[in-house]
Amino acid sequence: MTITSVPLPSALDSAESDDTRTSRPRPDRGGHPVPAISPGPRLPGIHRPEGLPAAARPGDVPQPQHLHLPGWVRRAHGQARPILADLLGNLTGEPRQQFAAHVGELIDGMSSGKFSLAWQYPRIIDEGWALYEHQRRDAEEEARKRRGLESARRKVADQLRDAGSRLTPETASRLHRTLRSADGVDAIKGVATELDQAVAAVRTLEERRRDREIDRTRERIQRALPRTAVAEVPAESWQDALRRIAENFSE
């Protein structure tokens, strides 16, 4: 009697069949949706500051340059770019240079591969907004001082115009020049003080001239009267009484 044996599968054949089963695509059993491809990290919260005006000449904010720049970084930059451009366009002087340097550092960092710096967009927008608010308050304060200065200048100019007939042409011209070149409230007050002194001096001269005229008039009247009438003239004339009353009121 002959017995035939069945050959056993080799280990290599078994491994090949496992690999084949492993690499073979699994059938879709239904009920399990294929997960969607993630678009990337959640974008940082980028918001335009309320009250930021559109700049007449927005600043230049270039896009980061990198061969493998992620799409989410491009989208974040696209949201932040117009805000940064308006902030740069509304800033002037040293604040603009300072903010432009910080924006350039941020973009250069992302261009070198540090994509996580895109999360700094909200912080740098807040920094630019703080610089803009500080500049706006300084401008408003400067405008307020300028209005006060012009108001004080107009007031003294009106006083100069009213006192023009009492001042000499040289004094009036000098005071006008000093008033125009005054660059502060204290300088304008100095012009007003000098004007008051000049008017007071002119007024004193006018009073002395009027007193001399009154004395001469009284002397002419006394010389024109007969000697008997001169003796009957009261000790205090009406001019003397008027002068005495005026002096009492001035005291």
Protein backbone atom coordinates (compact mmCIF):
# COMPACT_ATOMS: atom_id res chain seq x y z
CA MET A 1 0.00 0.00 0.00
CA THR A 2 1.41 3.42 -0.97
CA ILE A 3 0.87 6.52 1.23
CA THR A 4 1.13 9.94 -0.45
CA SER A 5 1.82 13.00 1.73
CA VAL A 6 0.49 16.48 0.97
CA PRO A 7 3.29 19.11 0.94
CA LEU A 8 2.99 21.89 3.58
CA PRO A 9 3.16 25.55 2.45
CA SER A 10 6.51 27.17 2.98
CA ALA A 11 7.06 30.09 5.34
CA LEU A 12 7.87 32.35 2.35
CA ASP A 13 4.55 31.55 0.73
CA SER A 14 2.76 32.26 3.97
CA ALA A 15 4.54 35.67 4.36
CA GLU A 16 3.71 36.56 0.79
CA SER A 17 0.10 35.82 1.28
CA ASP A 18 0.03 37.96 4.48
CA ASP A 19 1.62 40.85 2.65
CA THR A 20 -0.83 40.44 -0.13
CA ARG A 21 -3.74 40.45 2.26
CA THR A 22 -2.34 43.43 4.13
CA SER A 23 -1.67 45.46 0.98
CA ARG A 24 -4.99 44.54 -0.60
CA PRO A 25 -7.42 47.48 -0.27
CA ARG A 26 -10.24 46.90 2.13
CA PRO A 27 -13.69 47.12 0.67
CA ASP A 28 -15.88 50.03 1.65
CA ARG A 29 -18.32 48.57 4.11
CA GLY A 30 -20.53 51.68 4.05
CA GLY A 31 -21.67 53.76 6.99
CA HIS A 32 -18.15 55.05 7.68
CA PRO A 33 -17.40 58.27 5.72
CA VAL A 34 -13.88 58.87 4.59
CA PRO A 35 -12.35 61.68 6.72
CA ALA A 36 -11.81 64.97 4.84
CA ILE A 37 -8.34 66.37 4.39
CA SER A 38 -7.61 69.04 7.06
CA PRO A 39 -7.08 72.55 5.59
CA GLY A 40 -4.46 73.29 8.23
CA PRO A 41 -4.35 74.92 11.66
CA ARG A 42 -7.10 77.26 12.73
CA LEU A 43 -6.30 80.82 11.65
CA PRO A 44 -5.43 83.38 14.32
CA GLY A 45 -8.15 85.88 15.24
CA ILE A 46 -7.33 88.87 13.02
CA HIS A 47 -9.71 91.81 13.37
CA ARG A 48 -9.56 95.39 12.08
CA PRO A 49 -9.46 97.89 14.97
CA GLU A 50 -12.69 99.86 15.22
CA GLY A 51 -12.11 103.44 14.12
CA LEU A 52 -9.02 102.79 11.98
CA PRO A 53 -9.41 105.01 8.88
CA ALA A 54 -8.35 103.94 5.43
CA ALA A 55 -4.98 105.47 4.63
CA ALA A 56 -4.66 107.81 1.67
CA ARG A 57 -1.33 106.12 0.87
CA PRO A 58 -1.23 102.64 2.46
CA GLY A 59 2.13 101.22 3.43
CA ASP A 60 3.88 98.39 1.60
CA VAL A 61 3.42 94.98 3.31
CA PRO A 62 5.02 92.23 1.15
CA GLN A 63 3.98 88.59 1.39
CA PRO A 64 6.38 86.11 3.04
CA GLN A 65 8.55 84.37 0.44
CA HIS A 66 9.07 80.63 0.95
CA LEU A 67 8.96 77.63 -1.41
CA HIS A 68 6.73 75.68 0.98
CA LEU A 69 4.67 78.50 2.45
CA PRO A 70 1.55 76.86 3.93
CA GLY A 71 -1.84 77.93 2.66
CA TRP A 72 -3.06 78.88 6.13
CA VAL A 73 -0.12 81.29 6.44
CA ARG A 74 -1.09 82.85 3.08
CA ARG A 75 -4.68 83.26 4.28
CA ALA A 76 -3.61 84.79 7.58
CA HIS A 77 -1.34 87.21 5.76
CA GLY A 78 -4.14 88.09 3.33
CA GLN A 79 -6.37 89.06 6.28
CA ALA A 80 -3.70 91.05 8.09
CA ARG A 81 -2.10 92.79 5.09
CA PRO A 82 -4.73 95.57 4.49
CA ILE A 83 -4.88 96.34 8.20
CA LEU A 84 -1.10 96.61 8.48
CA ALA A 85 -0.95 98.71 5.31
CA ASP A 86 -3.50 101.22 6.70
CA LEU A 87 -1.70 101.39 10.03
CA LEU A 88 1.57 102.15 8.25
CA GLY A 89 -0.12 104.72 6.02
CA ASN A 90 -1.65 106.55 8.99
CA LEU A 91 1.55 106.66 11.02
CA THR A 92 4.25 109.29 10.51
CA GLY A 93 7.76 109.95 11.67
CA GLU A 94 9.47 107.73 14.23
CA PRO A 95 6.33 105.65 15.09
CA ARG A 96 6.00 104.66 11.43
CA GLN A 97 9.66 103.63 11.22
CA GLN A 98 9.36 101.62 14.44
CA PHE A 99 6.21 99.80 13.30
CA ALA A 100 7.57 99.14 9.79
CA ALA A 101 10.66 97.54 11.34
CA HIS A 102 8.55 95.19 13.46
CA VAL A 103 6.37 94.22 10.49
CA GLY A 104 9.51 93.54 8.44
CA GLU A 105 10.97 91.33 11.18
CA LEU A 106 7.75 89.30 11.32
CA ILE A 107 7.61 88.74 7.55
CA ASP A 108 11.34 87.93 7.33
CA GLY A 109 10.89 85.32 10.07
CA MET A 110 8.09 83.58 8.18
CA SER A 111 10.13 83.77 4.97
CA SER A 112 12.90 81.87 6.78
CA GLY A 113 10.49 79.04 7.68
CA LYS A 114 9.15 80.15 11.07
CA PHE A 115 5.52 79.82 10.03
CA SER A 116 4.25 79.92 13.61
CA LEU A 117 5.04 83.64 13.60
CA ALA A 118 1.76 84.09 11.72
CA TRP A 119 0.10 83.82 15.12
CA GLN A 120 1.77 87.13 15.99
CA TYR A 121 -0.39 89.09 13.52
CA PRO A 122 -3.01 90.07 16.17
CA ARG A 123 -0.27 91.24 18.54
CA ILE A 124 1.48 93.39 15.95
CA ILE A 125 -1.86 94.86 14.84
CA ASP A 126 -2.55 95.84 18.47
CA GLU A 127 0.92 97.41 18.65
CA GLY A 128 0.29 99.49 15.51
CA TRP A 129 -3.12 100.56 16.77
CA ALA A 130 -1.60 101.72 20.08
CA LEU A 131 0.99 103.77 18.17
CA TYR A 132 -1.75 105.29 16.01
CA GLU A 133 -3.92 106.20 19.03
CA HIS A 134 -0.95 107.82 20.78
CA GLN A 135 -0.11 109.81 17.64
CA ARG A 136 -3.75 110.88 17.24
CA ARG A 137 -3.96 112.12 20.84
CA ASP A 138 -0.71 114.06 20.42
CA ALA A 139 -2.05 115.64 17.22
CA GLU A 140 -5.31 116.64 18.92
CA GLU A 141 -3.40 118.20 21.83
CA GLU A 142 -1.15 120.09 19.42
CA ALA A 143 -4.19 121.36 17.51
CA ARG A 144 -5.80 122.50 20.78
CA LYS A 145 -2.66 124.42 21.76
CA ARG A 146 -2.47 125.96 18.29
CA ARG A 147 -6.09 127.13 18.50
CA GLY A 148 -5.44 128.67 21.92
CA LEU A 149 -2.33 130.38 20.59
CA GLU A 150 -4.16 131.85 17.59
CA SER A 151 -7.04 132.99 19.80
CA ALA A 152 -4.65 134.84 22.13
CA ARG A 153 -2.86 136.34 19.12
CA ARG A 154 -6.11 137.64 17.63
CA LYS A 155 -7.11 139.17 20.97
CA VAL A 156 -3.86 141.12 21.29
CA ALA A 157 -4.07 142.11 17.60
CA ASP A 158 -7.50 143.62 18.27
CA GLN A 159 -6.07 145.56 21.23
CA LEU A 160 -3.28 146.83 19.01
CA ARG A 161 -5.77 147.96 16.41
CA ASP A 162 -7.86 149.81 19.01
CA ALA A 163 -4.82 151.51 20.49
CA GLY A 164 -3.29 152.38 17.13
CA SER A 165 -4.20 156.08 17.33
CA ARG A 166 -2.42 156.45 20.67
CA LEU A 167 0.81 154.70 19.69
CA THR A 168 3.59 156.05 17.58
CA PRO A 169 4.04 154.34 14.17
CA GLU A 170 7.38 152.91 15.29
CA THR A 171 5.94 151.40 18.48
CA ALA A 172 2.89 149.97 16.70
CA SER A 173 5.02 148.42 13.93
CA ARG A 174 7.43 146.86 16.42
CA LEU A 175 4.62 145.36 18.50
CA HIS A 176 2.96 143.93 15.37
CA ARG A 177 6.21 142.25 14.31
CA THR A 178 6.77 140.83 17.78
CA LEU A 179 3.20 139.52 17.89
CA ARG A 180 3.49 137.78 14.52
CA SER A 181 6.74 136.06 15.48
CA ALA A 182 5.51 134.99 18.95
CA ASP A 183 5.57 131.18 19.13
CA GLY A 184 4.00 130.71 22.55
CA VAL A 185 1.32 132.02 24.87
CA ASP A 186 3.93 133.54 27.18
CA ALA A 187 5.45 135.50 24.30
CA ILE A 188 2.00 136.81 23.33
CA LYS A 189 1.31 137.79 26.95
CA GLY A 190 4.60 139.70 26.89
CA VAL A 191 3.40 141.68 23.86
CA ALA A 192 0.09 142.41 25.63
CA THR A 193 1.95 143.63 28.73
CA GLU A 194 4.19 145.89 26.65
CA LEU A 195 1.13 147.24 24.86
CA ASP A 196 -0.59 148.05 28.16
CA GLN A 197 2.51 149.85 29.37
CA ALA A 198 2.77 151.86 26.17
CA VAL A 199 -0.93 152.82 26.32
CA ALA A 200 -0.61 153.75 30.00
CA ALA A 201 2.37 155.99 29.22
CA VAL A 202 0.47 157.68 26.39
CA ARG A 203 -2.55 158.14 28.64
CA THR A 204 -0.37 159.75 31.32
CA LEU A 205 1.06 162.18 28.78
CA GLU A 206 -2.44 163.02 27.55
CA GLU A 207 -3.63 163.72 31.10
CA ARG A 208 -0.64 165.94 31.77
CA ARG A 209 -1.23 167.77 28.49
CA ARG A 210 -4.90 168.23 29.39
CA ASP A 211 -3.99 169.54 32.85
CA ARG A 212 -1.57 172.06 31.36
CA GLU A 213 -4.23 173.15 28.90
CA ILE A 214 -6.72 173.61 31.75
CA ASP A 215 -4.19 175.69 33.69
CA ARG A 216 -3.45 177.89 30.70
CA THR A 217 -7.16 178.37 30.05
CA ARG A 218 -7.77 179.38 33.65
CA GLU A 219 -4.89 181.84 33.52
CA ARG A 220 -6.25 183.41 30.33
CA ILE A 221 -9.68 183.75 31.90
CA GLN A 222 -8.22 185.37 35.00
CA ARG A 223 -6.21 187.81 32.93
CA ALA A 224 -9.27 188.73 30.89
CA LEU A 225 -11.44 189.49 33.96
CA PRO A 226 -11.33 192.90 35.72
CA ARG A 227 -9.31 193.02 38.91
CA THR A 228 -12.46 193.27 41.06
CA ALA A 229 -13.91 190.17 39.38
CA VAL A 230 -10.69 188.29 39.94
CA ALA A 231 -11.00 188.85 43.68
CA GLU A 232 -14.51 187.38 43.61
CA VAL A 233 -13.40 184.18 41.81
CA PRO A 234 -13.94 181.22 44.17
CA ALA A 235 -10.90 179.43 45.54
CA GLU A 236 -11.75 176.25 43.61
CA SER A 237 -12.82 176.53 40.00
CA TRP A 238 -15.01 173.99 38.25
CA GLN A 239 -11.94 172.60 36.47
CA ASP A 240 -10.22 172.01 39.81
CA ALA A 241 -13.33 170.37 41.19
CA LEU A 242 -13.60 168.14 38.11
CA ARG A 243 -9.94 167.13 38.44
CA ARG A 244 -10.36 166.39 42.15
CA ILE A 245 -13.43 164.20 41.50
CA ALA A 246 -11.60 162.31 38.76
CA GLU A 247 -8.63 161.67 41.08
CA ASN A 248 -10.96 160.40 43.79
CA PHE A 249 -12.62 157.98 41.40
CA SER A 250 -9.27 156.73 40.09
CA GLU A 251 -8.19 155.93 43.66
